[in-house]
Amino acid sequence: MSYLLLAGLFLVPVLATAVVATRVRRLGRRWWAATAITLVALGVLTVVFDSLMIAADLFRYDESQLTGVRLLLAPVEDLAWPLASVLFLPALWELLRPHRAEEERA
């Protein structure tokens, strides 16, 4: 199984959770803007620190399982995990928090 396929299988339920949270809680532009800013910051940190760890030879990838697209030294597939955490955790938080009466009337 390639790293891209593994990432895709992992991201499907994450994206479904984010879509459900958006529809159920009517998450607006502000929520998505905060999510995008967080994703950019976490993505940059992932690329930088993955590249440093790869350069230090702390781990290696099976090259035959990668797409070949890299950002610095980090394979693009590594960005699936920050994407999943940035989408899934806040969406789950929104779905599990109790409803407020003011939101119901709005």
PDB file of N, CA and C in Angstrom:
ATOM      1  N   MET A   1       0.852  -1.176   0.000  1.00  0.00           N
ATOM      2  CA  MET A   1       0.000   0.000   0.000  1.00  0.00           C
ATOM      3  C   MET A   1       0.897   1.237   0.000  1.00  0.00           C
ATOM      4  N   SER A   2       0.639   2.142  -0.923  1.00  0.00           N
ATOM      5  CA  SER A   2       1.448   3.353  -1.010  1.00  0.00           C
ATOM      6  C   SER A   2       1.081   4.317   0.115  1.00  0.00           C
ATOM      7  N   TYR A   3       2.006   5.220   0.386  1.00  0.00           N
ATOM      8  CA  TYR A   3       1.764   6.227   1.419  1.00  0.00           C
ATOM      9  C   TYR A   3       0.588   7.134   1.047  1.00  0.00           C
ATOM     10  N   LEU A   4       0.446   7.406  -0.239  1.00  0.00           N
ATOM     11  CA  LEU A   4      -0.659   8.258  -0.697  1.00  0.00           C
ATOM     12  C   LEU A   4      -2.005   7.570  -0.491  1.00  0.00           C
ATOM     13  N   LEU A   5      -2.076   6.279  -0.784  1.00  0.00           N
ATOM     14  CA  LEU A   5      -3.317   5.534  -0.563  1.00  0.00           C
ATOM     15  C   LEU A   5      -3.656   5.464   0.924  1.00  0.00           C
ATOM     16  N   LEU A   6      -2.655   5.228   1.749  1.00  0.00           N
ATOM     17  CA  LEU A   6      -2.873   5.198   3.198  1.00  0.00           C
ATOM     18  C   LEU A   6      -3.389   6.545   3.698  1.00  0.00           C
ATOM     19  N   ALA A   7      -2.778   7.606   3.217  1.00  0.00           N
ATOM     20  CA  ALA A   7      -3.217   8.949   3.606  1.00  0.00           C
ATOM     21  C   ALA A   7      -4.644   9.211   3.129  1.00  0.00           C
ATOM     22  N   GLY A   8      -4.945   8.781   1.913  1.00  0.00           N
ATOM     23  CA  GLY A   8      -6.299   8.969   1.374  1.00  0.00           C
ATOM     24  C   GLY A   8      -7.344   8.222   2.180  1.00  0.00           C
ATOM     25  N   LEU A   9      -7.048   6.982   2.554  1.00  0.00           N
ATOM     26  CA  LEU A   9      -7.986   6.213   3.374  1.00  0.00           C
ATOM     27  C   LEU A   9      -8.203   6.861   4.732  1.00  0.00           C
ATOM     28  N   PHE A  10      -7.168   7.472   5.254  1.00  0.00           N
ATOM     29  CA  PHE A  10      -7.258   8.132   6.550  1.00  0.00           C
ATOM     30  C   PHE A  10      -8.033   9.451   6.446  1.00  0.00           C
ATOM     31  N   LEU A  11      -7.873  10.150   5.324  1.00  0.00           N
ATOM     32  CA  LEU A  11      -8.498  11.464   5.175  1.00  0.00           C
ATOM     33  C   LEU A  11      -9.989  11.417   4.849  1.00  0.00           C
ATOM     34  N   VAL A  12     -10.475  10.335   4.286  1.00  0.00           N
ATOM     35  CA  VAL A  12     -11.900  10.254   3.923  1.00  0.00           C
ATOM     36  C   VAL A  12     -12.807  10.463   5.135  1.00  0.00           C
ATOM     37  N   PRO A  13     -12.638   9.713   6.244  1.00  0.00           N
ATOM     38  CA  PRO A  13     -13.510   9.978   7.397  1.00  0.00           C
ATOM     39  C   PRO A  13     -13.267  11.344   8.035  1.00  0.00           C
ATOM     40  N   VAL A  14     -12.045  11.841   7.930  1.00  0.00           N
ATOM     41  CA  VAL A  14     -11.738  13.169   8.474  1.00  0.00           C
ATOM     42  C   VAL A  14     -12.513  14.237   7.706  1.00  0.00           C
ATOM     43  N   LEU A  15     -12.480  14.158   6.379  1.00  0.00           N
ATOM     44  CA  LEU A  15     -13.212  15.124   5.560  1.00  0.00           C
ATOM     45  C   LEU A  15     -14.718  15.000   5.776  1.00  0.00           C
ATOM     46  N   ALA A  16     -15.200  13.782   5.935  1.00  0.00           N
ATOM     47  CA  ALA A  16     -16.630  13.583   6.200  1.00  0.00           C
ATOM     48  C   ALA A  16     -17.025  14.228   7.523  1.00  0.00           C
ATOM     49  N   THR A  17     -16.188  14.087   8.542  1.00  0.00           N
ATOM     50  CA  THR A  17     -16.463  14.707   9.840  1.00  0.00           C
ATOM     51  C   THR A  17     -16.487  16.224   9.721  1.00  0.00           C
ATOM     52  N   ALA A  18     -15.554  16.790   8.971  1.00  0.00           N
ATOM     53  CA  ALA A  18     -15.508  18.243   8.788  1.00  0.00           C
ATOM     54  C   ALA A  18     -16.741  18.743   8.044  1.00  0.00           C
ATOM     55  N   VAL A  19     -17.188  18.012   7.038  1.00  0.00           N
ATOM     56  CA  VAL A  19     -18.387  18.405   6.287  1.00  0.00           C
ATOM     57  C   VAL A  19     -19.615  18.330   7.180  1.00  0.00           C
ATOM     58  N   VAL A  20     -19.735  17.273   7.957  1.00  0.00           N
ATOM     59  CA  VAL A  20     -20.880  17.130   8.869  1.00  0.00           C
ATOM     60  C   VAL A  20     -20.875  18.254   9.894  1.00  0.00           C
ATOM     61  N   ALA A  21     -19.719  18.552  10.466  1.00  0.00           N
ATOM     62  CA  ALA A  21     -19.635  19.634  11.452  1.00  0.00           C
ATOM     63  C   ALA A  21     -20.006  20.972  10.829  1.00  0.00           C
ATOM     64  N   THR A  22     -19.583  21.200   9.589  1.00  0.00           N
ATOM     65  CA  THR A  22     -19.908  22.451   8.906  1.00  0.00           C
ATOM     66  C   THR A  22     -21.409  22.590   8.716  1.00  0.00           C
ATOM     67  N   ARG A  23     -22.046  21.514   8.346  1.00  0.00           N
ATOM     68  CA  ARG A  23     -23.497  21.561   8.105  1.00  0.00           C
ATOM     69  C   ARG A  23     -24.301  21.618   9.400  1.00  0.00           C
ATOM     70  N   VAL A  24     -23.924  20.807  10.384  1.00  0.00           N
ATOM     71  CA  VAL A  24     -24.680  20.734  11.639  1.00  0.00           C
ATOM     72  C   VAL A  24     -24.518  22.007  12.453  1.00  0.00           C
ATOM     73  N   ARG A  25     -23.288  22.479  12.573  1.00  0.00           N
ATOM     74  CA  ARG A  25     -23.014  23.662  13.405  1.00  0.00           C
ATOM     75  C   ARG A  25     -22.961  24.959  12.620  1.00  0.00           C
ATOM     76  N   ARG A  26     -23.178  24.895  11.318  1.00  0.00           N
ATOM     77  CA  ARG A  26     -23.154  26.079  10.456  1.00  0.00           C
ATOM     78  C   ARG A  26     -21.878  26.894  10.672  1.00  0.00           C
ATOM     79  N   LEU A  27     -20.746  26.223  10.531  1.00  0.00           N
ATOM     80  CA  LEU A  27     -19.456  26.874  10.717  1.00  0.00           C
ATOM     81  C   LEU A  27     -19.219  27.835   9.562  1.00  0.00           C
ATOM     82  N   GLY A  28     -18.869  29.043   9.899  1.00  0.00           N
ATOM     83  CA  GLY A  28     -18.748  30.084   8.887  1.00  0.00           C
ATOM     84  C   GLY A  28     -17.327  30.363   8.454  1.00  0.00           C
ATOM     85  N   ARG A  29     -17.178  31.495   7.822  1.00  0.00           N
ATOM     86  CA  ARG A  29     -15.885  31.903   7.274  1.00  0.00           C
ATOM     87  C   ARG A  29     -14.830  32.049   8.359  1.00  0.00           C
ATOM     88  N   ARG A  30     -15.233  32.535   9.511  1.00  0.00           N
ATOM     89  CA  ARG A  30     -14.274  32.745  10.597  1.00  0.00           C
ATOM     90  C   ARG A  30     -13.644  31.423  11.027  1.00  0.00           C
ATOM     91  N   TRP A  31     -14.457  30.375  11.149  1.00  0.00           N
ATOM     92  CA  TRP A  31     -13.960  29.056  11.539  1.00  0.00           C
ATOM     93  C   TRP A  31     -13.015  28.521  10.470  1.00  0.00           C
ATOM     94  N   TRP A  32     -13.428  28.648   9.196  1.00  0.00           N
ATOM     95  CA  TRP A  32     -12.597  28.143   8.114  1.00  0.00           C
ATOM     96  C   TRP A  32     -11.321  28.965   7.950  1.00  0.00           C
ATOM     97  N   ALA A  33     -11.359  30.266   8.223  1.00  0.00           N
ATOM     98  CA  ALA A  33     -10.152  31.090   8.155  1.00  0.00           C
ATOM     99  C   ALA A  33      -9.163  30.669   9.239  1.00  0.00           C
ATOM    100  N   ALA A  34      -9.656  30.446  10.445  1.00  0.00           N
ATOM    101  CA  ALA A  34      -8.793  29.979  11.530  1.00  0.00           C
ATOM    102  C   ALA A  34      -8.210  28.608  11.202  1.00  0.00           C
ATOM    103  N   THR A  35      -9.015  27.760  10.602  1.00  0.00           N
ATOM    104  CA  THR A  35      -8.545  26.435  10.199  1.00  0.00           C
ATOM    105  C   THR A  35      -7.457  26.551   9.133  1.00  0.00           C
ATOM    106  N   ALA A  36      -7.644  27.419   8.162  1.00  0.00           N
ATOM    107  CA  ALA A  36      -6.657  27.596   7.093  1.00  0.00           C
ATOM    108  C   ALA A  36      -5.335  28.148   7.631  1.00  0.00           C
ATOM    109  N   ILE A  37      -5.415  29.120   8.523  1.00  0.00           N
ATOM    110  CA  ILE A  37      -4.197  29.689   9.116  1.00  0.00           C
ATOM    111  C   ILE A  37      -3.447  28.621   9.909  1.00  0.00           C
ATOM    112  N   THR A  38      -4.179  27.835  10.666  1.00  0.00           N
ATOM    113  CA  THR A  38      -3.568  26.754  11.434  1.00  0.00           C
ATOM    114  C   THR A  38      -2.928  25.728  10.516  1.00  0.00           C
ATOM    115  N   LEU A  39      -3.611  25.404   9.428  1.00  0.00           N
ATOM    116  CA  LEU A  39      -3.081  24.426   8.479  1.00  0.00           C
ATOM    117  C   LEU A  39      -1.789  24.918   7.837  1.00  0.00           C
ATOM    118  N   VAL A  40      -1.740  26.177   7.465  1.00  0.00           N
ATOM    119  CA  VAL A  40      -0.525  26.731   6.862  1.00  0.00           C
ATOM    120  C   VAL A  40       0.635  26.672   7.858  1.00  0.00           C
ATOM    121  N   ALA A  41       0.384  27.094   9.090  1.00  0.00           N
ATOM    122  CA  ALA A  41       1.439  27.081  10.108  1.00  0.00           C
ATOM    123  C   ALA A  41       1.926  25.658  10.381  1.00  0.00           C
ATOM    124  N   LEU A  42       0.998  24.747  10.564  1.00  0.00           N
ATOM    125  CA  LEU A  42       1.376  23.366  10.841  1.00  0.00           C
ATOM    126  C   LEU A  42       2.031  22.711   9.623  1.00  0.00           C
ATOM    127  N   GLY A  43       1.587  23.063   8.433  1.00  0.00           N
ATOM    128  CA  GLY A  43       2.200  22.536   7.218  1.00  0.00           C
ATOM    129  C   GLY A  43       3.644  22.984   7.071  1.00  0.00           C
ATOM    130  N   VAL A  44       3.905  24.266   7.325  1.00  0.00           N
ATOM    131  CA  VAL A  44       5.277  24.783   7.244  1.00  0.00           C
ATOM    132  C   VAL A  44       6.160  24.081   8.278  1.00  0.00           C
ATOM    133  N   LEU A  45       5.662  23.958   9.497  1.00  0.00           N
ATOM    134  CA  LEU A  45       6.444  23.274  10.536  1.00  0.00           C
ATOM    135  C   LEU A  45       6.710  21.817  10.165  1.00  0.00           C
ATOM    136  N   THR A  46       5.724  21.158   9.588  1.00  0.00           N
ATOM    137  CA  THR A  46       5.898  19.766   9.180  1.00  0.00           C
ATOM    138  C   THR A  46       6.974  19.643   8.113  1.00  0.00           C
ATOM    139  N   VAL A  47       6.918  20.490   7.108  1.00  0.00           N
ATOM    140  CA  VAL A  47       7.902  20.430   6.024  1.00  0.00           C
ATOM    141  C   VAL A  47       9.303  20.705   6.563  1.00  0.00           C
ATOM    142  N   VAL A  48       9.441  21.712   7.386  1.00  0.00           N
ATOM    143  CA  VAL A  48      10.762  22.075   7.910  1.00  0.00           C
ATOM    144  C   VAL A  48      11.320  20.961   8.797  1.00  0.00           C
ATOM    145  N   PHE A  49      10.546  20.500   9.762  1.00  0.00           N
ATOM    146  CA  PHE A  49      11.086  19.527  10.696  1.00  0.00           C
ATOM    147  C   PHE A  49      11.201  18.133  10.090  1.00  0.00           C
ATOM    148  N   ASP A  50      10.317  17.760   9.186  1.00  0.00           N
ATOM    149  CA  ASP A  50      10.492  16.491   8.468  1.00  0.00           C
ATOM    150  C   ASP A  50      11.769  16.534   7.638  1.00  0.00           C
ATOM    151  N   SER A  51      12.004  17.664   6.989  1.00  0.00           N
ATOM    152  CA  SER A  51      13.215  17.803   6.177  1.00  0.00           C
ATOM    153  C   SER A  51      14.468  17.701   7.045  1.00  0.00           C
ATOM    154  N   LEU A  52      14.430  18.322   8.208  1.00  0.00           N
ATOM    155  CA  LEU A  52      15.582  18.233   9.114  1.00  0.00           C
ATOM    156  C   LEU A  52      15.805  16.801   9.585  1.00  0.00           C
ATOM    157  N   MET A  53      14.736  16.090   9.902  1.00  0.00           N
ATOM    158  CA  MET A  53      14.877  14.708  10.364  1.00  0.00           C
ATOM    159  C   MET A  53      15.348  13.790   9.245  1.00  0.00           C
ATOM    160  N   ILE A  54      14.884  14.039   8.022  1.00  0.00           N
ATOM    161  CA  ILE A  54      15.345  13.243   6.881  1.00  0.00           C
ATOM    162  C   ILE A  54      16.818  13.543   6.598  1.00  0.00           C
ATOM    163  N   ALA A  55      17.206  14.812   6.672  1.00  0.00           N
ATOM    164  CA  ALA A  55      18.607  15.188   6.451  1.00  0.00           C
ATOM    165  C   ALA A  55      19.519  14.573   7.508  1.00  0.00           C
ATOM    166  N   ALA A  56      19.020  14.443   8.726  1.00  0.00           N
ATOM    167  CA  ALA A  56      19.801  13.829   9.807  1.00  0.00           C
ATOM    168  C   ALA A  56      19.776  12.303   9.720  1.00  0.00           C
ATOM    169  N   ASP A  57      19.058  11.763   8.730  1.00  0.00           N
ATOM    170  CA  ASP A  57      18.936  10.318   8.497  1.00  0.00           C
ATOM    171  C   ASP A  57      18.320   9.592   9.699  1.00  0.00           C
ATOM    172  N   LEU A  58      17.336  10.242  10.307  1.00  0.00           N
ATOM    173  CA  LEU A  58      16.623   9.597  11.412  1.00  0.00           C
ATOM    174  C   LEU A  58      15.641   8.542  10.919  1.00  0.00           C
ATOM    175  N   PHE A  59      15.169   8.708   9.697  1.00  0.00           N
ATOM    176  CA  PHE A  59      14.286   7.710   9.090  1.00  0.00           C
ATOM    177  C   PHE A  59      14.357   7.820   7.584  1.00  0.00           C
ATOM    178  N   ARG A  60      13.873   6.776   6.925  1.00  0.00           N
ATOM    179  CA  ARG A  60      13.870   6.728   5.462  1.00  0.00           C
ATOM    180  C   ARG A  60      12.516   6.226   4.988  1.00  0.00           C
ATOM    181  N   TYR A  61      12.196   6.570   3.759  1.00  0.00           N
ATOM    182  CA  TYR A  61      10.958   6.122   3.124  1.00  0.00           C
ATOM    183  C   TYR A  61      11.292   5.113   2.040  1.00  0.00           C
ATOM    184  N   ASP A  62      10.358   4.205   1.798  1.00  0.00           N
ATOM    185  CA  ASP A  62      10.462   3.314   0.653  1.00  0.00           C
ATOM    186  C   ASP A  62      10.113   4.150  -0.580  1.00  0.00           C
ATOM    187  N   GLU A  63      11.103   4.488  -1.366  1.00  0.00           N
ATOM    188  CA  GLU A  63      10.922   5.397  -2.508  1.00  0.00           C
ATOM    189  C   GLU A  63       9.886   4.882  -3.507  1.00  0.00           C
ATOM    190  N   SER A  64       9.721   3.572  -3.586  1.00  0.00           N
ATOM    191  CA  SER A  64       8.754   3.021  -4.547  1.00  0.00           C
ATOM    192  C   SER A  64       7.312   3.282  -4.114  1.00  0.00           C
ATOM    193  N   GLN A  65       7.106   3.641  -2.854  1.00  0.00           N
ATOM    194  CA  GLN A  65       5.761   3.894  -2.341  1.00  0.00           C
ATOM    195  C   GLN A  65       5.405   5.381  -2.302  1.00  0.00           C
ATOM    196  N   LEU A  66       6.316   6.229  -2.714  1.00  0.00           N
ATOM    197  CA  LEU A  66       6.101   7.684  -2.710  1.00  0.00           C
ATOM    198  C   LEU A  66       5.701   8.170  -4.101  1.00  0.00           C
ATOM    199  N   THR A  67       5.026   9.328  -4.139  1.00  0.00           N
ATOM    200  CA  THR A  67       4.671   9.922  -5.425  1.00  0.00           C
ATOM    201  C   THR A  67       5.873  10.587  -6.095  1.00  0.00           C
ATOM    202  N   GLY A  68       6.863  10.948  -5.314  1.00  0.00           N
ATOM    203  CA  GLY A  68       8.044  11.616  -5.854  1.00  0.00           C
ATOM    204  C   GLY A  68       8.005  13.121  -5.674  1.00  0.00           C
ATOM    205  N   VAL A  69       6.858  13.653  -5.302  1.00  0.00           N
ATOM    206  CA  VAL A  69       6.742  15.094  -5.070  1.00  0.00           C
ATOM    207  C   VAL A  69       7.252  15.386  -3.665  1.00  0.00           C
ATOM    208  N   ARG A  70       8.175  16.326  -3.583  1.00  0.00           N
ATOM    209  CA  ARG A  70       8.762  16.676  -2.280  1.00  0.00           C
ATOM    210  C   ARG A  70       8.712  18.184  -2.068  1.00  0.00           C
ATOM    211  N   LEU A  71       8.595  18.559  -0.831  1.00  0.00           N
ATOM    212  CA  LEU A  71       8.718  19.949  -0.397  1.00  0.00           C
ATOM    213  C   LEU A  71       9.959  19.975   0.488  1.00  0.00           C
ATOM    214  N   LEU A  72      10.989  20.640   0.035  1.00  0.00           N
ATOM    215  CA  LEU A  72      12.331  20.499   0.597  1.00  0.00           C
ATOM    216  C   LEU A  72      12.682  19.017   0.524  1.00  0.00           C
ATOM    217  N   LEU A  73      12.877  18.346   1.653  1.00  0.00           N
ATOM    218  CA  LEU A  73      13.171  16.914   1.629  1.00  0.00           C
ATOM    219  C   LEU A  73      11.955  16.066   2.006  1.00  0.00           C
ATOM    220  N   ALA A  74      10.901  16.709   2.466  1.00  0.00           N
ATOM    221  CA  ALA A  74       9.729  15.980   2.962  1.00  0.00           C
ATOM    222  C   ALA A  74       8.810  15.578   1.809  1.00  0.00           C
ATOM    223  N   PRO A  75       8.397  14.316   1.779  1.00  0.00           N
ATOM    224  CA  PRO A  75       7.434  13.912   0.749  1.00  0.00           C
ATOM    225  C   PRO A  75       6.081  14.568   0.996  1.00  0.00           C
ATOM    226  N   VAL A  76       5.372  14.875  -0.069  1.00  0.00           N
ATOM    227  CA  VAL A  76       4.098  15.568   0.034  1.00  0.00           C
ATOM    228  C   VAL A  76       3.078  14.750   0.834  1.00  0.00           C
ATOM    229  N   GLU A  77       3.236  13.433   0.846  1.00  0.00           N
ATOM    230  CA  GLU A  77       2.307  12.578   1.600  1.00  0.00           C
ATOM    231  C   GLU A  77       2.325  12.887   3.101  1.00  0.00           C
ATOM    232  N   ASP A  78       3.439  13.424   3.593  1.00  0.00           N
ATOM    233  CA  ASP A  78       3.529  13.759   5.014  1.00  0.00           C
ATOM    234  C   ASP A  78       2.580  14.877   5.421  1.00  0.00           C
ATOM    235  N   LEU A  79       2.097  15.643   4.472  1.00  0.00           N
ATOM    236  CA  LEU A  79       1.186  16.740   4.806  1.00  0.00           C
ATOM    237  C   LEU A  79      -0.234  16.257   5.090  1.00  0.00           C
ATOM    238  N   ALA A  80      -0.514  15.001   4.834  1.00  0.00           N
ATOM    239  CA  ALA A  80      -1.850  14.462   5.118  1.00  0.00           C
ATOM    240  C   ALA A  80      -2.133  14.444   6.615  1.00  0.00           C
ATOM    241  N   TRP A  81      -1.127  14.182   7.419  1.00  0.00           N
ATOM    242  CA  TRP A  81      -1.345  14.038   8.854  1.00  0.00           C
ATOM    243  C   TRP A  81      -1.640  15.389   9.522  1.00  0.00           C
ATOM    244  N   PRO A  82      -0.916  16.470   9.208  1.00  0.00           N
ATOM    245  CA  PRO A  82      -1.324  17.762   9.762  1.00  0.00           C
ATOM    246  C   PRO A  82      -2.700  18.197   9.256  1.00  0.00           C
ATOM    247  N   LEU A  83      -2.979  17.918   7.977  1.00  0.00           N
ATOM    248  CA  LEU A  83      -4.301  18.243   7.430  1.00  0.00           C
ATOM    249  C   LEU A  83      -5.390  17.515   8.211  1.00  0.00           C
ATOM    250  N   ALA A  84      -5.171  16.245   8.469  1.00  0.00           N
ATOM    251  CA  ALA A  84      -6.159  15.464   9.211  1.00  0.00           C
ATOM    252  C   ALA A  84      -6.362  16.013  10.614  1.00  0.00           C
ATOM    253  N   SER A  85      -5.294  16.351  11.295  1.00  0.00           N
ATOM    254  CA  SER A  85      -5.443  16.851  12.666  1.00  0.00           C
ATOM    255  C   SER A  85      -6.096  18.227  12.707  1.00  0.00           C
ATOM    256  N   VAL A  86      -5.738  19.080  11.745  1.00  0.00           N
ATOM    257  CA  VAL A  86      -6.313  20.431  11.712  1.00  0.00           C
ATOM    258  C   VAL A  86      -7.808  20.387  11.401  1.00  0.00           C
ATOM    259  N   LEU A  87      -8.241  19.452  10.585  1.00  0.00           N
ATOM    260  CA  LEU A  87      -9.669  19.350  10.252  1.00  0.00           C
ATOM    261  C   LEU A  87     -10.457  18.545  11.271  1.00  0.00           C
ATOM    262  N   PHE A  88      -9.907  17.411  11.686  1.00  0.00           N
ATOM    263  CA  PHE A  88     -10.671  16.476  12.498  1.00  0.00           C
ATOM    264  C   PHE A  88     -10.892  16.969  13.925  1.00  0.00           C
ATOM    265  N   LEU A  89      -9.859  17.413  14.594  1.00  0.00           N
ATOM    266  CA  LEU A  89     -10.007  17.769  16.008  1.00  0.00           C
ATOM    267  C   LEU A  89     -10.962  18.939  16.241  1.00  0.00           C
ATOM    268  N   PRO A  90     -10.838  20.061  15.509  1.00  0.00           N
ATOM    269  CA  PRO A  90     -11.817  21.139  15.707  1.00  0.00           C
ATOM    270  C   PRO A  90     -13.235  20.752  15.279  1.00  0.00           C
ATOM    271  N   ALA A  91     -13.353  19.953  14.218  1.00  0.00           N
ATOM    272  CA  ALA A  91     -14.680  19.518  13.773  1.00  0.00           C
ATOM    273  C   ALA A  91     -15.321  18.624  14.828  1.00  0.00           C
ATOM    274  N   LEU A  92     -14.537  17.722  15.378  1.00  0.00           N
ATOM    275  CA  LEU A  92     -15.049  16.855  16.435  1.00  0.00           C
ATOM    276  C   LEU A  92     -15.432  17.667  17.663  1.00  0.00           C
ATOM    277  N   TRP A  93     -14.639  18.659  17.986  1.00  0.00           N
ATOM    278  CA  TRP A  93     -14.943  19.554  19.109  1.00  0.00           C
ATOM    279  C   TRP A  93     -16.295  20.243  18.889  1.00  0.00           C
ATOM    280  N   GLU A  94     -16.492  20.749  17.689  1.00  0.00           N
ATOM    281  CA  GLU A  94     -17.756  21.418  17.377  1.00  0.00           C
ATOM    282  C   GLU A  94     -18.937  20.457  17.463  1.00  0.00           C
ATOM    283  N   LEU A  95     -18.756  19.237  17.008  1.00  0.00           N
ATOM    284  CA  LEU A  95     -19.857  18.265  17.040  1.00  0.00           C
ATOM    285  C   LEU A  95     -20.183  17.795  18.448  1.00  0.00           C
ATOM    286  N   LEU A  96     -19.186  17.742  19.324  1.00  0.00           N
ATOM    287  CA  LEU A  96     -19.402  17.195  20.661  1.00  0.00           C
ATOM    288  C   LEU A  96     -19.745  18.234  21.715  1.00  0.00           C
ATOM    289  N   ARG A  97     -19.521  19.500  21.420  1.00  0.00           N
ATOM    290  CA  ARG A  97     -19.843  20.510  22.438  1.00  0.00           C
ATOM    291  C   ARG A  97     -21.362  20.673  22.534  1.00  0.00           C
ATOM    292  N   PRO A  98     -21.850  21.021  23.724  1.00  0.00           N
ATOM    293  CA  PRO A  98     -23.304  21.162  23.886  1.00  0.00           C
ATOM    294  C   PRO A  98     -23.854  22.359  23.111  1.00  0.00           C
ATOM    295  N   HIS A  99     -25.098  22.237  22.697  1.00  0.00           N
ATOM    296  CA  HIS A  99     -25.786  23.335  22.011  1.00  0.00           C
ATOM    297  C   HIS A  99     -26.092  24.433  23.024  1.00  0.00           C
ATOM    298  N   ARG A 100     -26.078  25.673  22.549  1.00  0.00           N
ATOM    299  CA  ARG A 100     -26.483  26.788  23.388  1.00  0.00           C
ATOM    300  C   ARG A 100     -27.818  27.310  22.883  1.00  0.00           C
ATOM    301  N   ALA A 101     -28.607  27.815  23.789  1.00  0.00           N
ATOM    302  CA  ALA A 101     -29.946  28.302  23.442  1.00  0.00           C
ATOM    303  C   ALA A 101     -29.877  29.455  22.424  1.00  0.00           C
ATOM    304  N   GLU A 102     -28.852  30.321  22.565  1.00  0.00           N
ATOM    305  CA  GLU A 102     -28.744  31.457  21.639  1.00  0.00           C
ATOM    306  C   GLU A 102     -28.488  30.982  20.226  1.00  0.00           C
ATOM    307  N   GLU A 103     -27.710  29.940  20.080  1.00  0.00           N
ATOM    308  CA  GLU A 103     -27.430  29.428  18.739  1.00  0.00           C
ATOM    309  C   GLU A 103     -28.671  28.811  18.122  1.00  0.00           C
ATOM    310  N   GLU A 104     -29.502  28.213  18.925  1.00  0.00           N
ATOM    311  CA  GLU A 104     -30.719  27.590  18.429  1.00  0.00           C
ATOM    312  C   GLU A 104     -31.674  28.633  17.846  1.00  0.00           C
ATOM    313  N   ARG A 105     -31.726  29.820  18.480  1.00  0.00           N
ATOM    314  CA  ARG A 105     -32.645  30.876  18.024  1.00  0.00           C
ATOM    315  C   ARG A 105     -32.100  31.644  16.832  1.00  0.00           C
ATOM    316  N   ALA A 106     -30.788  31.640  16.639  1.00  0.00           N
ATOM    317  CA  ALA A 106     -30.164  32.443  15.569  1.00  0.00           C
ATOM    318  C   ALA A 106     -30.370  31.880  14.212  1.00  0.00           C
TER     319      ALA A 106
END
